[in-house]
Protein backbone atom coordinates (compact mmCIF):
# COMPACT_ATOMS: atom_id res chain seq x y z
CA UNK A 1 -0.30 0.36 -0.12
CA UNK A 2 2.70 2.42 1.02
CA UNK A 3 3.84 2.01 -2.28
CA UNK A 4 1.32 2.52 -4.50
CA UNK A 5 0.59 5.72 -2.22
CA UNK A 6 3.78 7.24 -3.33
CA UNK A 7 3.59 6.85 -7.15
CA UNK A 8 0.05 7.96 -6.37
CA UNK A 9 0.85 11.12 -5.60
CA UNK A 10 -0.08 10.73 -1.62
CA UNK A 11 3.17 10.23 0.39
CA UNK A 12 5.37 13.06 0.33
CA UNK A 13 8.82 12.10 -1.59
CA UNK A 14 11.93 12.18 0.76
CA UNK A 15 14.15 15.52 0.72
CA UNK A 16 17.29 16.36 1.96
CA UNK A 17 15.80 18.40 4.83
CA UNK A 18 14.28 14.98 6.34
CA UNK A 19 17.70 14.07 6.40
CA UNK A 20 18.82 16.74 8.14
CA UNK A 21 16.05 16.94 10.10
CA UNK A 22 16.54 13.24 11.28
CA UNK A 23 20.59 14.31 12.78
CA UNK A 24 19.03 15.49 15.91
CA UNK A 25 15.43 13.70 15.58
CA UNK A 26 14.48 10.21 15.41
CA UNK A 27 12.22 9.54 18.58
CA UNK A 28 9.99 6.93 16.00
CA UNK A 29 13.50 4.19 15.37
CA UNK A 30 14.89 2.43 17.51
CA UNK A 31 17.76 3.86 20.07
CA UNK A 32 20.52 1.82 18.02
CA UNK A 33 19.15 2.25 14.99
CA UNK A 34 18.75 5.78 14.77
CA UNK A 35 21.97 6.05 16.43
CA UNK A 36 23.96 4.42 13.68
CA UNK A 37 21.43 6.46 11.08
CA UNK A 38 22.38 9.70 12.68
CA UNK A 39 26.54 8.82 12.23
CA UNK A 40 25.65 8.64 8.57
CA UNK A 41 23.33 11.70 8.19
CA UNK A 42 26.19 13.07 10.20
CA UNK A 43 28.83 11.97 7.67
CA UNK A 44 26.89 13.34 4.65
CA UNK A 45 25.82 16.38 6.11
CA UNK A 46 29.77 16.67 6.43
CA UNK A 47 29.78 16.45 2.85
CA UNK A 48 27.56 19.01 1.81
CA UNK A 49 29.19 21.68 3.82
CA UNK A 50 33.12 20.09 1.80
CA UNK A 51 31.09 21.08 -1.48
CA UNK A 52 29.95 24.10 -0.74
CA UNK A 53 33.55 25.34 0.58
CA UNK A 54 34.69 23.77 -2.45
CA UNK A 55 32.37 25.74 -4.66
CA UNK A 56 33.51 29.07 -2.64
CA UNK A 57 36.77 28.49 -3.35
CA UNK A 58 36.27 27.65 -7.21
CA UNK A 59 34.50 31.17 -7.41
CA UNK A 60 36.66 33.17 -5.19
CA UNK A 61 39.39 31.56 -7.98
CA UNK A 62 37.70 32.55 -10.95
CA UNK A 63 37.03 36.22 -9.87
CA UNK A 64 41.09 36.85 -8.53
CA UNK A 65 39.75 37.36 -4.67
CA UNK A 66 42.95 36.78 -3.00
CA UNK A 67 41.80 37.33 0.73
CA UNK A 68 38.77 36.14 0.05
CA UNK A 69 40.20 33.05 -0.92
CA UNK A 70 42.72 32.77 1.70
CA UNK A 71 40.07 33.33 4.26
CA UNK A 72 38.22 30.25 3.44
CA UNK A 73 41.34 27.70 3.33
CA UNK A 74 41.76 28.74 6.44
CA UNK A 75 38.61 28.15 7.54
CA UNK A 76 38.23 24.64 9.76
CA UNK A 77 36.32 23.07 11.56
CA UNK A 78 37.35 23.04 15.68
CA UNK A 79 34.20 21.48 17.34
CA UNK A 80 32.14 18.76 17.10
CA UNK A 81 29.87 18.16 14.26
CA UNK A 82 28.03 15.56 17.00
CA UNK A 83 27.75 16.93 19.74
CA UNK A 84 25.84 20.48 17.60
CA UNK A 85 23.64 18.60 15.60
CA UNK A 86 21.54 21.42 15.00
CA UNK A 87 24.70 23.46 13.96
CA UNK A 88 25.49 21.54 11.56
CA UNK A 89 22.26 21.83 9.77
CA UNK A 90 22.70 25.24 9.70
CA UNK A 91 25.81 25.32 7.86
CA UNK A 92 24.63 22.81 5.42
CA UNK A 93 21.05 24.40 5.16
CA UNK A 94 22.21 28.67 4.85
CA UNK A 95 25.91 26.53 2.73
CA UNK A 96 28.37 28.55 5.03
CA UNK A 97 30.57 27.28 6.99
CA UNK A 98 31.22 28.76 10.90
CA UNK A 99 34.63 30.09 11.50
CA UNK A 100 37.03 28.92 14.18
CA UNK A 101 36.57 33.41 15.39
CA UNK A 102 32.57 33.03 15.65
CA UNK A 103 32.45 29.55 16.97
CA UNK A 104 34.83 30.30 19.87
CA UNK A 105 32.75 33.49 20.79
CA UNK A 106 29.45 31.66 20.87
CA UNK A 107 31.31 28.86 23.55
CA UNK A 108 32.66 31.73 25.17
CA UNK A 109 28.90 33.53 25.75
CA UNK A 110 27.26 29.44 26.37
CA UNK A 111 29.22 28.59 29.16
CA UNK A 112 29.32 32.49 30.56
CA UNK A 113 26.14 33.02 29.64
CA UNK A 114 25.75 35.28 32.75
CA UNK A 115 26.08 39.17 32.38
CA UNK A 116 28.33 38.00 29.46
CA UNK A 117 29.38 41.02 26.77
CA UNK A 118 31.71 40.48 24.28
CA UNK A 119 31.69 43.46 21.35
CA UNK A 120 32.50 42.54 17.49
CA UNK A 121 33.75 44.76 14.87
CA UNK A 122 31.60 44.77 11.43
CA UNK A 123 31.51 41.56 8.94
CA UNK A 124 32.04 39.29 11.66
CA UNK A 125 28.45 37.31 11.25
CA UNK A 126 27.11 38.46 14.12
CA UNK A 127 23.58 38.48 12.93
CA UNK A 128 23.43 36.19 10.42
CA UNK A 129 25.90 33.25 11.94
CA UNK A 130 26.35 34.09 16.08
CA UNK A 131 22.91 35.00 16.71
CA UNK A 132 21.16 31.78 14.92
CA UNK A 133 23.81 29.14 16.88
CA UNK A 134 23.10 30.96 19.90
CA UNK A 135 19.40 30.60 19.79
CA UNK A 136 19.56 27.32 17.85
CA UNK A 137 21.56 25.99 21.24
CA UNK A 138 19.51 27.50 23.95
CA UNK A 139 16.12 26.85 22.86
CA UNK A 140 17.44 23.26 22.76
CA UNK A 141 18.70 23.40 25.91
CA UNK A 142 15.04 25.31 27.11
CA UNK A 143 16.52 26.08 30.50
CA UNK A 144 15.99 30.10 30.12
CA UNK A 145 14.08 31.79 28.34
CA UNK A 146 16.10 32.98 24.75
CA UNK A 147 15.76 36.64 23.60
CA UNK A 148 17.27 38.75 20.48
CA UNK A 149 17.18 42.53 20.62
CA UNK A 150 17.45 44.34 17.57
CA UNK A 151 16.94 48.24 16.97
CA UNK A 152 14.30 49.36 15.97
CA UNK A 153 15.67 50.52 13.05
CA UNK A 154 16.07 46.30 12.01
CA UNK A 155 13.44 45.04 13.62
CA UNK A 156 10.97 43.92 10.54
CA UNK A 157 14.49 42.74 8.55
CA UNK A 158 15.81 41.19 11.73
CA UNK A 159 12.23 39.40 11.81
CA UNK A 160 12.24 37.97 8.18
CA UNK A 161 15.84 37.07 8.42
CA UNK A 162 14.73 34.96 11.44
CA UNK A 163 11.79 33.62 10.05
CA UNK A 164 13.47 32.42 6.91
CA UNK A 165 16.85 31.03 9.18
CA UNK A 166 15.07 29.42 11.50
CA UNK A 167 11.46 28.98 11.26
CA UNK A 168 11.38 27.97 7.82
CA UNK A 169 13.93 25.40 8.15
CA UNK A 170 14.72 21.80 9.08
CA UNK A 171 14.91 23.72 13.30
CA UNK A 172 11.42 24.80 12.99
CA UNK A 173 12.57 27.08 15.88
CA UNK A 174 8.85 29.41 17.24
CA UNK A 175 9.75 33.04 16.94
CA UNK A 176 7.49 34.96 19.18
CA UNK A 177 7.07 38.99 19.52
CA UNK A 178 5.92 41.07 22.13
CA UNK A 179 5.45 45.02 20.77
CA UNK A 180 4.44 46.52 24.27
CA UNK A 181 4.34 51.27 24.36
CA UNK A 182 3.80 52.35 27.14
CA UNK A 183 -0.03 53.85 26.31
CA UNK A 184 -0.97 49.95 25.89
CA UNK A 185 -3.44 49.37 28.49
CA UNK A 186 -1.88 46.45 31.30
CA UNK A 187 -4.89 45.46 32.74
CA UNK A 188 -4.94 42.14 34.23
CA UNK A 189 -6.92 40.30 31.01
CA UNK A 190 -3.21 41.73 29.55
CA UNK A 191 -0.63 40.32 32.03
CA UNK A 192 -2.26 37.17 31.44
CA UNK A 193 -2.24 36.92 27.84
CA UNK A 194 1.36 38.36 27.73
CA UNK A 195 2.19 35.50 30.58
CA UNK A 196 0.30 33.05 28.35
CA UNK A 197 2.80 33.87 25.68
CA UNK A 198 6.32 33.85 27.56
CA UNK A 199 4.99 30.11 29.38
CA UNK A 200 4.36 28.70 25.14
CA UNK A 201 7.30 30.50 24.14
CA UNK A 202 9.21 28.79 27.14
CA UNK A 203 7.76 25.40 26.22
CA UNK A 204 7.83 25.28 22.44
CA UNK A 205 11.75 26.59 22.30
CA UNK A 206 11.21 29.23 20.73
CA UNK A 207 12.53 32.48 20.93
CA UNK A 208 11.59 35.82 21.51
CA UNK A 209 13.09 39.18 19.79
CA UNK A 210 11.74 42.74 20.85
CA UNK A 211 13.20 46.08 21.24
CA UNK A 212 14.82 47.71 24.08
CA UNK A 213 12.17 50.18 23.64
CA UNK A 214 8.69 47.34 23.82
CA UNK A 215 11.55 45.66 26.16
CA UNK A 216 11.60 48.99 28.95
CA UNK A 217 8.25 49.58 27.59
CA UNK A 218 6.97 47.13 29.78
CA UNK A 219 9.07 47.26 32.50
CA UNK A 220 8.12 51.01 32.75
CA UNK A 221 4.58 50.40 32.78
CA UNK A 222 4.66 47.57 35.25
CA UNK A 223 6.77 50.41 37.84
CA UNK A 224 4.03 52.58 36.91
CA UNK A 225 1.09 51.28 38.02
CA UNK A 226 2.54 48.22 40.43
CA UNK A 227 2.06 45.37 38.00
CA UNK A 228 4.31 42.39 38.34
CA UNK A 229 5.01 39.67 35.64
């Protein structure tokens, strides 16, 4: 019947994104079989990253971009893809390779999350590589709620990028927003809705994306009326 349904078009074809998801999610299989399949898919994903690297090297060579070519050749993997399978899936889907300095920065923030502040230069991959890496790992751990703070001027651009990268991808990471201003009414119903939204975000391993204005407006409103969320 499965074969008949497949040829009749009633079953979805198995695609590459299914393999990427199986790197970190094989709940329907016995543990021993799942582990073996994950190791094989892991090797396949590493080859995909290497293939993309070769294409970049060829392009830089043809365009005579010496600096980019050298930087690409110097990019090596210093982290264990079996320990961070979501990062490997992220590399394959986004057709990139996490650079050593990017991993070191994210690893430092993950090991010392409380009050950690790191200043990074422009063009180091903060928005498009390191923030998704942090979000994927923090959402996987589910110890605390992950939150992205962005400037109001780039909120829509950031939302669109992270929706494509984290939501509409093999990661399926839920993204939530709390656009609050001090003019909003903060009654019992609103407090209940806000708490429920934050609870759902944490329960589903999601991430909040807010601006400093939204966060501070909610904080000041709480002090103003004496309500605690």
